[in-house]
PDB file of N, CA and C in Angstrom:
ATOM      1  N   MET A   1     -35.551 -42.307 -21.419  1.00  0.00           N
ATOM      2  CA  MET A   1     -35.932 -40.962 -21.093  1.00  0.00           C
ATOM      3  C   MET A   1     -35.186 -40.458 -19.865  1.00  0.00           C
ATOM      4  N   THR A   2     -35.015 -41.282 -18.866  1.00  0.00           N
ATOM      5  CA  THR A   2     -34.277 -40.857 -17.687  1.00  0.00           C
ATOM      6  C   THR A   2     -32.817 -40.583 -18.016  1.00  0.00           C
ATOM      7  N   TRP A   3     -32.313 -41.238 -18.999  1.00  0.00           N
ATOM      8  CA  TRP A   3     -30.943 -41.010 -19.386  1.00  0.00           C
ATOM      9  C   TRP A   3     -30.750 -39.583 -19.908  1.00  0.00           C
ATOM     10  N   LEU A   4     -31.724 -39.027 -20.656  1.00  0.00           N
ATOM     11  CA  LEU A   4     -31.656 -37.664 -21.177  1.00  0.00           C
ATOM     12  C   LEU A   4     -31.750 -36.636 -20.055  1.00  0.00           C
ATOM     13  N   ILE A   5     -32.584 -36.903 -19.081  1.00  0.00           N
ATOM     14  CA  ILE A   5     -32.724 -35.967 -17.960  1.00  0.00           C
ATOM     15  C   ILE A   5     -31.441 -35.937 -17.148  1.00  0.00           C
ATOM     16  N   ALA A   6     -30.865 -37.065 -16.899  1.00  0.00           N
ATOM     17  CA  ALA A   6     -29.629 -37.113 -16.136  1.00  0.00           C
ATOM     18  C   ALA A   6     -28.504 -36.418 -16.882  1.00  0.00           C
ATOM     19  N   GLN A   7     -28.482 -36.555 -18.164  1.00  0.00           N
ATOM     20  CA  GLN A   7     -27.456 -35.905 -18.957  1.00  0.00           C
ATOM     21  C   GLN A   7     -27.640 -34.389 -18.939  1.00  0.00           C
ATOM     22  N   ALA A   8     -28.849 -33.903 -18.974  1.00  0.00           N
ATOM     23  CA  ALA A   8     -29.106 -32.471 -18.939  1.00  0.00           C
ATOM     24  C   ALA A   8     -28.713 -31.894 -17.582  1.00  0.00           C
ATOM     25  N   ASP A   9     -28.954 -32.593 -16.490  1.00  0.00           N
ATOM     26  CA  ASP A   9     -28.578 -32.116 -15.166  1.00  0.00           C
ATOM     27  C   ASP A   9     -27.066 -32.028 -15.027  1.00  0.00           C
ATOM     28  N   ASN A  10     -26.359 -32.995 -15.546  1.00  0.00           N
ATOM     29  CA  ASN A  10     -24.905 -32.972 -15.460  1.00  0.00           C
ATOM     30  C   ASN A  10     -24.321 -31.802 -16.252  1.00  0.00           C
ATOM     31  N   GLY A  11     -24.925 -31.406 -17.307  1.00  0.00           N
ATOM     32  CA  GLY A  11     -24.447 -30.300 -18.123  1.00  0.00           C
ATOM     33  C   GLY A  11     -24.584 -28.965 -17.404  1.00  0.00           C
ATOM     34  N   ARG A  12     -25.644 -28.799 -16.640  1.00  0.00           N
ATOM     35  CA  ARG A  12     -25.859 -27.535 -15.932  1.00  0.00           C
ATOM     36  C   ARG A  12     -24.922 -27.385 -14.740  1.00  0.00           C
ATOM     37  N   ASN A  13     -24.623 -28.413 -14.060  1.00  0.00           N
ATOM     38  CA  ASN A  13     -23.822 -28.337 -12.846  1.00  0.00           C
ATOM     39  C   ASN A  13     -22.342 -28.638 -13.097  1.00  0.00           C
ATOM     40  N   ALA A  14     -21.939 -28.636 -14.332  1.00  0.00           N
ATOM     41  CA  ALA A  14     -20.574 -29.029 -14.655  1.00  0.00           C
ATOM     42  C   ALA A  14     -19.541 -27.992 -14.197  1.00  0.00           C
ATOM     43  N   GLY A  15     -19.846 -26.690 -14.274  1.00  0.00           N
ATOM     44  CA  GLY A  15     -18.855 -25.675 -13.916  1.00  0.00           C
ATOM     45  C   GLY A  15     -19.513 -24.459 -13.295  1.00  0.00           C
ATOM     46  N   PRO A  16     -18.707 -23.493 -12.855  1.00  0.00           N
ATOM     47  CA  PRO A  16     -19.272 -22.283 -12.247  1.00  0.00           C
ATOM     48  C   PRO A  16     -20.021 -21.457 -13.297  1.00  0.00           C
ATOM     49  N   ALA A  17     -20.878 -20.606 -12.809  1.00  0.00           N
ATOM     50  CA  ALA A  17     -21.658 -19.747 -13.707  1.00  0.00           C
ATOM     51  C   ALA A  17     -20.713 -18.824 -14.486  1.00  0.00           C
ATOM     52  N   ALA A  18     -21.192 -18.374 -15.622  1.00  0.00           N
ATOM     53  CA  ALA A  18     -20.362 -17.541 -16.494  1.00  0.00           C
ATOM     54  C   ALA A  18     -19.980 -16.231 -15.811  1.00  0.00           C
ATOM     55  N   TRP A  19     -20.876 -15.643 -15.042  1.00  0.00           N
ATOM     56  CA  TRP A  19     -20.559 -14.367 -14.386  1.00  0.00           C
ATOM     57  C   TRP A  19     -19.492 -14.546 -13.309  1.00  0.00           C
ATOM     58  N   MET A  20     -19.399 -15.728 -12.749  1.00  0.00           N
ATOM     59  CA  MET A  20     -18.366 -15.981 -11.752  1.00  0.00           C
ATOM     60  C   MET A  20     -16.979 -16.011 -12.403  1.00  0.00           C
ATOM     61  N   GLN A  21     -16.915 -16.420 -13.636  1.00  0.00           N
ATOM     62  CA  GLN A  21     -15.642 -16.432 -14.342  1.00  0.00           C
ATOM     63  C   GLN A  21     -15.243 -15.037 -14.811  1.00  0.00           C
ATOM     64  N   LEU A  22     -16.220 -14.160 -15.016  1.00  0.00           N
ATOM     65  CA  LEU A  22     -15.952 -12.826 -15.545  1.00  0.00           C
ATOM     66  C   LEU A  22     -15.858 -11.742 -14.469  1.00  0.00           C
ATOM     67  N   TRP A  23     -16.088 -12.047 -13.200  1.00  0.00           N
ATOM     68  CA  TRP A  23     -16.100 -11.003 -12.177  1.00  0.00           C
ATOM     69  C   TRP A  23     -14.758 -10.289 -12.036  1.00  0.00           C
ATOM     70  N   PRO A  24     -13.603 -10.924 -12.231  1.00  0.00           N
ATOM     71  CA  PRO A  24     -12.354 -10.149 -12.154  1.00  0.00           C
ATOM     72  C   PRO A  24     -12.267  -9.065 -13.237  1.00  0.00           C
ATOM     73  N   ILE A  25     -12.780  -9.365 -14.418  1.00  0.00           N
ATOM     74  CA  ILE A  25     -12.771  -8.371 -15.494  1.00  0.00           C
ATOM     75  C   ILE A  25     -13.685  -7.208 -15.142  1.00  0.00           C
ATOM     76  N   PHE A  26     -14.869  -7.487 -14.598  1.00  0.00           N
ATOM     77  CA  PHE A  26     -15.779  -6.424 -14.176  1.00  0.00           C
ATOM     78  C   PHE A  26     -15.153  -5.592 -13.063  1.00  0.00           C
ATOM     79  N   ALA A  27     -14.487  -6.226 -12.132  1.00  0.00           N
ATOM     80  CA  ALA A  27     -13.839  -5.508 -11.031  1.00  0.00           C
ATOM     81  C   ALA A  27     -12.744  -4.585 -11.557  1.00  0.00           C
ATOM     82  N   ILE A  28     -11.973  -5.045 -12.518  1.00  0.00           N
ATOM     83  CA  ILE A  28     -10.911  -4.220 -13.097  1.00  0.00           C
ATOM     84  C   ILE A  28     -11.512  -3.034 -13.846  1.00  0.00           C
ATOM     85  N   LEU A  29     -12.578  -3.252 -14.587  1.00  0.00           N
ATOM     86  CA  LEU A  29     -13.228  -2.157 -15.315  1.00  0.00           C
ATOM     87  C   LEU A  29     -13.783  -1.105 -14.354  1.00  0.00           C
ATOM     88  N   ILE A  30     -14.397  -1.530 -13.277  1.00  0.00           N
ATOM     89  CA  ILE A  30     -14.933  -0.588 -12.294  1.00  0.00           C
ATOM     90  C   ILE A  30     -13.803   0.188 -11.637  1.00  0.00           C
ATOM     91  N   LEU A  31     -12.739  -0.486 -11.278  1.00  0.00           N
ATOM     92  CA  LEU A  31     -11.585   0.165 -10.672  1.00  0.00           C
ATOM     93  C   LEU A  31     -10.954   1.165 -11.645  1.00  0.00           C
ATOM     94  N   PHE A  32     -10.834   0.796 -12.893  1.00  0.00           N
ATOM     95  CA  PHE A  32     -10.294   1.693 -13.918  1.00  0.00           C
ATOM     96  C   PHE A  32     -11.152   2.944 -14.038  1.00  0.00           C
ATOM     97  N   TYR A  33     -12.473   2.769 -14.031  1.00  0.00           N
ATOM     98  CA  TYR A  33     -13.384   3.905 -14.117  1.00  0.00           C
ATOM     99  C   TYR A  33     -13.217   4.826 -12.917  1.00  0.00           C
ATOM    100  N   LEU A  34     -13.183   4.245 -11.727  1.00  0.00           N
ATOM    101  CA  LEU A  34     -13.097   5.056 -10.515  1.00  0.00           C
ATOM    102  C   LEU A  34     -11.759   5.770 -10.363  1.00  0.00           C
ATOM    103  N   LEU A  35     -10.688   5.163 -10.834  1.00  0.00           N
ATOM    104  CA  LEU A  35      -9.369   5.764 -10.656  1.00  0.00           C
ATOM    105  C   LEU A  35      -8.942   6.696 -11.787  1.00  0.00           C
ATOM    106  N   PHE A  36      -9.448   6.479 -12.994  1.00  0.00           N
ATOM    107  CA  PHE A  36      -8.961   7.260 -14.124  1.00  0.00           C
ATOM    108  C   PHE A  36     -10.028   8.091 -14.822  1.00  0.00           C
ATOM    109  N   ILE A  37     -11.090   7.476 -15.249  1.00  0.00           N
ATOM    110  CA  ILE A  37     -12.071   8.163 -16.093  1.00  0.00           C
ATOM    111  C   ILE A  37     -12.870   9.191 -15.308  1.00  0.00           C
ATOM    112  N   ARG A  38     -13.397   8.818 -14.153  1.00  0.00           N
ATOM    113  CA  ARG A  38     -14.235   9.727 -13.374  1.00  0.00           C
ATOM    114  C   ARG A  38     -13.478  10.982 -12.921  1.00  0.00           C
ATOM    115  N   PRO A  39     -12.272  10.865 -12.353  1.00  0.00           N
ATOM    116  CA  PRO A  39     -11.552  12.095 -11.974  1.00  0.00           C
ATOM    117  C   PRO A  39     -11.205  12.985 -13.163  1.00  0.00           C
ATOM    118  N   GLN A  40     -10.919  12.370 -14.299  1.00  0.00           N
ATOM    119  CA  GLN A  40     -10.600  13.163 -15.488  1.00  0.00           C
ATOM    120  C   GLN A  40     -11.827  13.940 -15.961  1.00  0.00           C
ATOM    121  N   ARG A  41     -12.989  13.326 -15.915  1.00  0.00           N
ATOM    122  CA  ARG A  41     -14.219  14.028 -16.303  1.00  0.00           C
ATOM    123  C   ARG A  41     -14.530  15.162 -15.340  1.00  0.00           C
ATOM    124  N   GLN A  42     -14.333  14.933 -14.043  1.00  0.00           N
ATOM    125  CA  GLN A  42     -14.572  15.991 -13.065  1.00  0.00           C
ATOM    126  C   GLN A  42     -13.631  17.163 -13.283  1.00  0.00           C
ATOM    127  N   GLU A  43     -12.386  16.892 -13.575  1.00  0.00           N
ATOM    128  CA  GLU A  43     -11.414  17.950 -13.832  1.00  0.00           C
ATOM    129  C   GLU A  43     -11.787  18.715 -15.102  1.00  0.00           C
ATOM    130  N   ALA A  44     -12.247  18.024 -16.125  1.00  0.00           N
ATOM    131  CA  ALA A  44     -12.655  18.694 -17.367  1.00  0.00           C
ATOM    132  C   ALA A  44     -13.864  19.588 -17.124  1.00  0.00           C
ATOM    133  N   ARG A  45     -14.810  19.131 -16.322  1.00  0.00           N
ATOM    134  CA  ARG A  45     -15.978  19.968 -15.992  1.00  0.00           C
ATOM    135  C   ARG A  45     -15.563  21.198 -15.203  1.00  0.00           C
ATOM    136  N   ARG A  46     -14.658  21.011 -14.234  1.00  0.00           N
ATOM    137  CA  ARG A  46     -14.198  22.137 -13.421  1.00  0.00           C
ATOM    138  C   ARG A  46     -13.459  23.157 -14.292  1.00  0.00           C
ATOM    139  N   ARG A  47     -12.628  22.673 -15.195  1.00  0.00           N
ATOM    140  CA  ARG A  47     -11.879  23.565 -16.080  1.00  0.00           C
ATOM    141  C   ARG A  47     -12.808  24.312 -17.025  1.00  0.00           C
ATOM    142  N   GLU A  48     -13.802  23.613 -17.576  1.00  0.00           N
ATOM    143  CA  GLU A  48     -14.770  24.264 -18.477  1.00  0.00           C
ATOM    144  C   GLU A  48     -15.545  25.344 -17.744  1.00  0.00           C
ATOM    145  N   ALA A  49     -15.931  25.084 -16.505  1.00  0.00           N
ATOM    146  CA  ALA A  49     -16.645  26.088 -15.710  1.00  0.00           C
ATOM    147  C   ALA A  49     -15.745  27.294 -15.443  1.00  0.00           C
ATOM    148  N   MET A  50     -14.454  27.053 -15.190  1.00  0.00           N
ATOM    149  CA  MET A  50     -13.507  28.147 -14.959  1.00  0.00           C
ATOM    150  C   MET A  50     -13.373  29.016 -16.211  1.00  0.00           C
ATOM    151  N   ILE A  51     -13.273  28.384 -17.366  1.00  0.00           N
ATOM    152  CA  ILE A  51     -13.136  29.131 -18.622  1.00  0.00           C
ATOM    153  C   ILE A  51     -14.411  29.917 -18.920  1.00  0.00           C
ATOM    154  N   GLN A  52     -15.568  29.305 -18.675  1.00  0.00           N
ATOM    155  CA  GLN A  52     -16.833  30.002 -18.936  1.00  0.00           C
ATOM    156  C   GLN A  52     -17.040  31.189 -18.000  1.00  0.00           C
ATOM    157  N   ALA A  53     -16.502  31.118 -16.795  1.00  0.00           N
ATOM    158  CA  ALA A  53     -16.672  32.195 -15.813  1.00  0.00           C
ATOM    159  C   ALA A  53     -15.602  33.281 -15.953  1.00  0.00           C
ATOM    160  N   LEU A  54     -14.691  33.134 -16.904  1.00  0.00           N
ATOM    161  CA  LEU A  54     -13.620  34.103 -17.085  1.00  0.00           C
ATOM    162  C   LEU A  54     -14.198  35.442 -17.508  1.00  0.00           C
ATOM    163  N   LYS A  55     -13.752  36.505 -16.846  1.00  0.00           N
ATOM    164  CA  LYS A  55     -14.267  37.845 -17.143  1.00  0.00           C
ATOM    165  C   LYS A  55     -13.136  38.854 -17.010  1.00  0.00           C
ATOM    166  N   PRO A  56     -13.311  40.063 -17.528  1.00  0.00           N
ATOM    167  CA  PRO A  56     -12.273  41.081 -17.394  1.00  0.00           C
ATOM    168  C   PRO A  56     -11.938  41.354 -15.926  1.00  0.00           C
ATOM    169  N   ASN A  57     -10.699  41.728 -15.703  1.00  0.00           N
ATOM    170  CA  ASN A  57     -10.121  42.031 -14.383  1.00  0.00           C
ATOM    171  C   ASN A  57      -9.840  40.788 -13.544  1.00  0.00           C
ATOM    172  N   ASP A  58      -9.974  39.599 -14.101  1.00  0.00           N
ATOM    173  CA  ASP A  58      -9.565  38.384 -13.392  1.00  0.00           C
ATOM    174  C   ASP A  58      -8.050  38.234 -13.519  1.00  0.00           C
ATOM    175  N   HIS A  59      -7.410  37.863 -12.441  1.00  0.00           N
ATOM    176  CA  HIS A  59      -5.978  37.584 -12.460  1.00  0.00           C
ATOM    177  C   HIS A  59      -5.800  36.124 -12.862  1.00  0.00           C
ATOM    178  N   VAL A  60      -4.993  35.893 -13.886  1.00  0.00           N
ATOM    179  CA  VAL A  60      -4.831  34.540 -14.422  1.00  0.00           C
ATOM    180  C   VAL A  60      -3.359  34.181 -14.559  1.00  0.00           C
ATOM    181  N   MET A  61      -3.114  32.888 -14.707  1.00  0.00           N
ATOM    182  CA  MET A  61      -1.790  32.386 -15.034  1.00  0.00           C
ATOM    183  C   MET A  61      -1.952  31.449 -16.229  1.00  0.00           C
ATOM    184  N   THR A  62      -1.068  31.584 -17.211  1.00  0.00           N
ATOM    185  CA  THR A  62      -1.139  30.725 -18.384  1.00  0.00           C
ATOM    186  C   THR A  62      -0.331  29.463 -18.140  1.00  0.00           C
ATOM    187  N   HIS A  63      -0.474  28.499 -19.035  1.00  0.00           N
ATOM    188  CA  HIS A  63       0.305  27.267 -18.933  1.00  0.00           C
ATOM    189  C   HIS A  63       1.795  27.540 -19.101  1.00  0.00           C
ATOM    190  N   GLY A  64       2.139  28.636 -19.748  1.00  0.00           N
ATOM    191  CA  GLY A  64       3.541  29.002 -19.917  1.00  0.00           C
ATOM    192  C   GLY A  64       4.121  29.709 -18.709  1.00  0.00           C
ATOM    193  N   GLY A  65       3.290  29.980 -17.705  1.00  0.00           N
ATOM    194  CA  GLY A  65       3.772  30.621 -16.493  1.00  0.00           C
ATOM    195  C   GLY A  65       3.682  32.136 -16.514  1.00  0.00           C
ATOM    196  N   ILE A  66       2.945  32.684 -17.446  1.00  0.00           N
ATOM    197  CA  ILE A  66       2.795  34.138 -17.542  1.00  0.00           C
ATOM    198  C   ILE A  66       1.607  34.565 -16.693  1.00  0.00           C
ATOM    199  N   TYR A  67       1.854  35.525 -15.812  1.00  0.00           N
ATOM    200  CA  TYR A  67       0.792  36.072 -14.975  1.00  0.00           C
ATOM    201  C   TYR A  67       0.271  37.336 -15.639  1.00  0.00           C
ATOM    202  N   GLY A  68      -1.037  37.535 -15.557  1.00  0.00           N
ATOM    203  CA  GLY A  68      -1.616  38.730 -16.140  1.00  0.00           C
ATOM    204  C   GLY A  68      -3.026  38.962 -15.658  1.00  0.00           C
ATOM    205  N   VAL A  69      -3.591  40.070 -16.137  1.00  0.00           N
ATOM    206  CA  VAL A  69      -4.961  40.451 -15.806  1.00  0.00           C
ATOM    207  C   VAL A  69      -5.762  40.449 -17.101  1.00  0.00           C
ATOM    208  N   VAL A  70      -6.903  39.802 -17.086  1.00  0.00           N
ATOM    209  CA  VAL A  70      -7.741  39.707 -18.282  1.00  0.00           C
ATOM    210  C   VAL A  70      -8.305  41.084 -18.605  1.00  0.00           C
ATOM    211  N   THR A  71      -8.129  41.512 -19.846  1.00  0.00           N
ATOM    212  CA  THR A  71      -8.707  42.782 -20.283  1.00  0.00           C
ATOM    213  C   THR A  71      -9.895  42.574 -21.209  1.00  0.00           C
ATOM    214  N   ASN A  72      -9.887  41.477 -21.973  1.00  0.00           N
ATOM    215  CA  ASN A  72     -10.971  41.237 -22.908  1.00  0.00           C
ATOM    216  C   ASN A  72     -11.064  39.742 -23.186  1.00  0.00           C
ATOM    217  N   VAL A  73     -12.294  39.242 -23.280  1.00  0.00           N
ATOM    218  CA  VAL A  73     -12.515  37.830 -23.580  1.00  0.00           C
ATOM    219  C   VAL A  73     -13.264  37.737 -24.901  1.00  0.00           C
ATOM    220  N   HIS A  74     -12.688  37.039 -25.877  1.00  0.00           N
ATOM    221  CA  HIS A  74     -13.299  36.841 -27.196  1.00  0.00           C
ATOM    222  C   HIS A  74     -13.720  35.379 -27.293  1.00  0.00           C
ATOM    223  N   ARG A  75     -14.903  35.058 -26.860  1.00  0.00           N
ATOM    224  CA  ARG A  75     -15.348  33.662 -26.850  1.00  0.00           C
ATOM    225  C   ARG A  75     -15.521  33.107 -28.268  1.00  0.00           C
ATOM    226  N   GLU A  76     -15.975  33.942 -29.196  1.00  0.00           N
ATOM    227  CA  GLU A  76     -16.168  33.473 -30.575  1.00  0.00           C
ATOM    228  C   GLU A  76     -14.825  33.121 -31.220  1.00  0.00           C
ATOM    229  N   ALA A  77     -13.793  33.888 -30.891  1.00  0.00           N
ATOM    230  CA  ALA A  77     -12.464  33.656 -31.463  1.00  0.00           C
ATOM    231  C   ALA A  77     -11.641  32.705 -30.600  1.00  0.00           C
ATOM    232  N   ASN A  78     -12.213  32.260 -29.482  1.00  0.00           N
ATOM    233  CA  ASN A  78     -11.527  31.364 -28.555  1.00  0.00           C
ATOM    234  C   ASN A  78     -10.206  31.971 -28.083  1.00  0.00           C
ATOM    235  N   ALA A  79     -10.255  33.284 -27.759  1.00  0.00           N
ATOM    236  CA  ALA A  79      -9.050  33.999 -27.356  1.00  0.00           C
ATOM    237  C   ALA A  79      -9.364  34.921 -26.188  1.00  0.00           C
ATOM    238  N   VAL A  80      -8.323  35.277 -25.491  1.00  0.00           N
ATOM    239  CA  VAL A  80      -8.430  36.209 -24.369  1.00  0.00           C
ATOM    240  C   VAL A  80      -7.218  37.129 -24.429  1.00  0.00           C
ATOM    241  N   THR A  81      -7.422  38.397 -24.099  1.00  0.00           N
ATOM    242  CA  THR A  81      -6.330  39.364 -24.052  1.00  0.00           C
ATOM    243  C   THR A  81      -5.993  39.610 -22.593  1.00  0.00           C
ATOM    244  N   ILE A  82      -4.702  39.474 -22.274  1.00  0.00           N
ATOM    245  CA  ILE A  82      -4.284  39.715 -20.898  1.00  0.00           C
ATOM    246  C   ILE A  82      -3.233  40.824 -20.869  1.00  0.00           C
ATOM    247  N   ARG A  83      -3.292  41.618 -19.820  1.00  0.00           N
ATOM    248  CA  ARG A  83      -2.306  42.680 -19.602  1.00  0.00           C
ATOM    249  C   ARG A  83      -1.245  42.108 -18.674  1.00  0.00           C
ATOM    250  N   VAL A  84       0.013  42.142 -19.132  1.00  0.00           N
ATOM    251  CA  VAL A  84       1.083  41.543 -18.345  1.00  0.00           C
ATOM    252  C   VAL A  84       1.983  42.576 -17.679  1.00  0.00           C
ATOM    253  N   ASP A  85       1.929  43.826 -18.137  1.00  0.00           N
ATOM    254  CA  ASP A  85       2.759  44.864 -17.535  1.00  0.00           C
ATOM    255  C   ASP A  85       1.933  46.131 -17.382  1.00  0.00           C
ATOM    256  N   GLU A  86       1.866  46.619 -16.161  1.00  0.00           N
ATOM    257  CA  GLU A  86       1.092  47.825 -15.880  1.00  0.00           C
ATOM    258  C   GLU A  86       1.782  49.070 -16.449  1.00  0.00           C
ATOM    259  N   ASN A  87       3.093  49.150 -16.339  1.00  0.00           N
ATOM    260  CA  ASN A  87       3.814  50.364 -16.733  1.00  0.00           C
ATOM    261  C   ASN A  87       3.784  50.599 -18.233  1.00  0.00           C
ATOM    262  N   ASN A  88       4.058  49.578 -19.021  1.00  0.00           N
ATOM    263  CA  ASN A  88       4.103  49.721 -20.475  1.00  0.00           C
ATOM    264  C   ASN A  88       2.784  49.379 -21.136  1.00  0.00           C
ATOM    265  N   ASN A  89       1.817  48.930 -20.344  1.00  0.00           N
ATOM    266  CA  ASN A  89       0.517  48.505 -20.864  1.00  0.00           C
ATOM    267  C   ASN A  89       0.690  47.390 -21.910  1.00  0.00           C
ATOM    268  N   THR A  90       1.588  46.452 -21.622  1.00  0.00           N
ATOM    269  CA  THR A  90       1.864  45.343 -22.520  1.00  0.00           C
ATOM    270  C   THR A  90       0.744  44.326 -22.428  1.00  0.00           C
ATOM    271  N   ARG A  91       0.224  43.932 -23.577  1.00  0.00           N
ATOM    272  CA  ARG A  91      -0.880  42.977 -23.629  1.00  0.00           C
ATOM    273  C   ARG A  91      -0.506  41.801 -24.510  1.00  0.00           C
ATOM    274  N   LEU A  92      -1.051  40.651 -24.158  1.00  0.00           N
ATOM    275  CA  LEU A  92      -0.862  39.439 -24.940  1.00  0.00           C
ATOM    276  C   LEU A  92      -2.224  38.866 -25.291  1.00  0.00           C
ATOM    277  N   LYS A  93      -2.319  38.342 -26.488  1.00  0.00           N
ATOM    278  CA  LYS A  93      -3.539  37.653 -26.898  1.00  0.00           C
ATOM    279  C   LYS A  93      -3.223  36.164 -26.921  1.00  0.00           C
ATOM    280  N   VAL A  94      -3.908  35.396 -26.075  1.00  0.00           N
ATOM    281  CA  VAL A  94      -3.676  33.958 -25.974  1.00  0.00           C
ATOM    282  C   VAL A  94      -5.002  33.230 -26.137  1.00  0.00           C
ATOM    283  N   SER A  95      -4.925  31.948 -26.410  1.00  0.00           N
ATOM    284  CA  SER A  95      -6.153  31.161 -26.540  1.00  0.00           C
ATOM    285  C   SER A  95      -6.735  30.887 -25.157  1.00  0.00           C
ATOM    286  N   LEU A  96      -8.013  30.596 -25.113  1.00  0.00           N
ATOM    287  CA  LEU A  96      -8.659  30.281 -23.837  1.00  0.00           C
ATOM    288  C   LEU A  96      -8.065  29.020 -23.221  1.00  0.00           C
ATOM    289  N   GLY A  97      -7.613  28.109 -24.051  1.00  0.00           N
ATOM    290  CA  GLY A  97      -7.006  26.879 -23.557  1.00  0.00           C
ATOM    291  C   GLY A  97      -5.655  27.098 -22.891  1.00  0.00           C
ATOM    292  N   ALA A  98      -5.047  28.266 -23.114  1.00  0.00           N
ATOM    293  CA  ALA A  98      -3.747  28.554 -22.509  1.00  0.00           C
ATOM    294  C   ALA A  98      -3.874  28.998 -21.058  1.00  0.00           C
ATOM    295  N   ILE A  99      -5.079  29.312 -20.624  1.00  0.00           N
ATOM    296  CA  ILE A  99      -5.286  29.746 -19.240  1.00  0.00           C
ATOM    297  C   ILE A  99      -5.227  28.520 -18.337  1.00  0.00           C
ATOM    298  N   ALA A 100      -4.241  28.493 -17.452  1.00  0.00           N
ATOM    299  CA  ALA A 100      -4.077  27.355 -16.547  1.00  0.00           C
ATOM    300  C   ALA A 100      -4.987  27.486 -15.341  1.00  0.00           C
ATOM    301  N   ARG A 101      -5.044  28.683 -14.781  1.00  0.00           N
ATOM    302  CA  ARG A 101      -5.905  28.872 -13.618  1.00  0.00           C
ATOM    303  C   ARG A 101      -6.205  30.343 -13.408  1.00  0.00           C
ATOM    304  N   VAL A 102      -7.282  30.578 -12.717  1.00  0.00           N
ATOM    305  CA  VAL A 102      -7.656  31.925 -12.321  1.00  0.00           C
ATOM    306  C   VAL A 102      -7.198  32.085 -10.875  1.00  0.00           C
ATOM    307  N   LEU A 103      -6.401  33.113 -10.652  1.00  0.00           N
ATOM    308  CA  LEU A 103      -5.859  33.340  -9.320  1.00  0.00           C
ATOM    309  C   LEU A 103      -6.854  34.145  -8.499  1.00  0.00           C
ATOM    310  N   ARG A 104      -6.977  33.774  -7.261  1.00  0.00           N
ATOM    311  CA  ARG A 104      -7.859  34.529  -6.380  1.00  0.00           C
ATOM    312  C   ARG A 104      -7.150  35.807  -5.977  1.00  0.00           C
ATOM    313  N   GLU A 105      -7.924  36.868  -5.996  1.00  0.00           N
ATOM    314  CA  GLU A 105      -7.352  38.132  -5.568  1.00  0.00           C
ATOM    315  C   GLU A 105      -7.209  38.101  -4.066  1.00  0.00           C
ATOM    316  N   GLU A 106      -6.013  38.356  -3.621  1.00  0.00           N
ATOM    317  CA  GLU A 106      -5.780  38.359  -2.190  1.00  0.00           C
ATOM    318  C   GLU A 106      -6.306  39.662  -1.611  1.00  0.00           C
ATOM    319  N   GLU A 107      -6.909  39.541  -0.465  1.00  0.00           N
ATOM    320  CA  GLU A 107      -7.412  40.738   0.187  1.00  0.00           C
ATOM    321  C   GLU A 107      -6.223  41.569   0.641  1.00  0.00           C
ATOM    322  N   PRO A 108      -6.317  42.876   0.472  1.00  0.00           N
ATOM    323  CA  PRO A 108      -5.194  43.709   0.912  1.00  0.00           C
ATOM    324  C   PRO A 108      -5.007  43.569   2.423  1.00  0.00           C
ATOM    325  N   GLN A 109      -3.776  43.342   2.786  1.00  0.00           N
ATOM    326  CA  GLN A 109      -3.503  43.170   4.204  1.00  0.00           C
ATOM    327  C   GLN A 109      -3.440  44.538   4.866  1.00  0.00           C
ATOM    328  N   ALA A 110      -4.109  44.636   5.962  1.00  0.00           N
ATOM    329  CA  ALA A 110      -4.113  45.898   6.700  1.00  0.00           C
ATOM    330  C   ALA A 110      -2.730  46.104   7.314  1.00  0.00           C
ATOM    331  N   THR A 111      -2.201  47.285   7.147  1.00  0.00           N
ATOM    332  CA  THR A 111      -0.908  47.575   7.740  1.00  0.00           C
ATOM    333  C   THR A 111      -1.097  47.811   9.224  1.00  0.00           C
ATOM    334  N   PRO A 112      -0.256  47.229  10.017  1.00  0.00           N
ATOM    335  CA  PRO A 112      -0.424  47.425  11.458  1.00  0.00           C
ATOM    336  C   PRO A 112      -0.186  48.867  11.851  1.00  0.00           C
ATOM    337  N   ALA A 113      -0.968  49.348  12.756  1.00  0.00           N
ATOM    338  CA  ALA A 113      -0.840  50.718  13.214  1.00  0.00           C
ATOM    339  C   ALA A 113       0.452  50.868  13.997  1.00  0.00           C
ATOM    340  N   LYS A 114       1.132  51.995  13.776  1.00  0.00           N
ATOM    341  CA  LYS A 114       2.379  52.246  14.469  1.00  0.00           C
ATOM    342  C   LYS A 114       2.087  52.631  15.906  1.00  0.00           C
ATOM    343  N   LYS A 115       2.848  52.079  16.782  1.00  0.00           N
ATOM    344  CA  LYS A 115       2.699  52.445  18.186  1.00  0.00           C
ATOM    345  C   LYS A 115       3.670  53.571  18.500  1.00  0.00           C
ATOM    346  N   ASP A 116       3.157  54.654  18.934  1.00  0.00           N
ATOM    347  CA  ASP A 116       4.024  55.812  19.252  1.00  0.00           C
ATOM    348  C   ASP A 116       4.280  55.906  20.721  1.00  0.00           C
TER     349      ASP A 116
END
């Protein structure tokens, strides 16, 4: 009987625990999540919020580099109409996914008063 107990004790203490052998894999997975997956999800949320907040008169830039002013948003059709030229009233209809960013309207700079 003592022989069986001694054999069972030797089996338990023979090597390191299983989690000790797997900790490098867990560390790599956590690092991968923190460096790649989490920032990508945050960027997707930020972009979705930007698209949802899109409204007429917003100044936008498309992924193709076209600057324009939003005139109409068709959420059901997944499209937006932008005005690209004030003089000719030229408009383009692009998909919502083509909007790269919404540009902040710069405050008009006050012209300095002339000193006479």
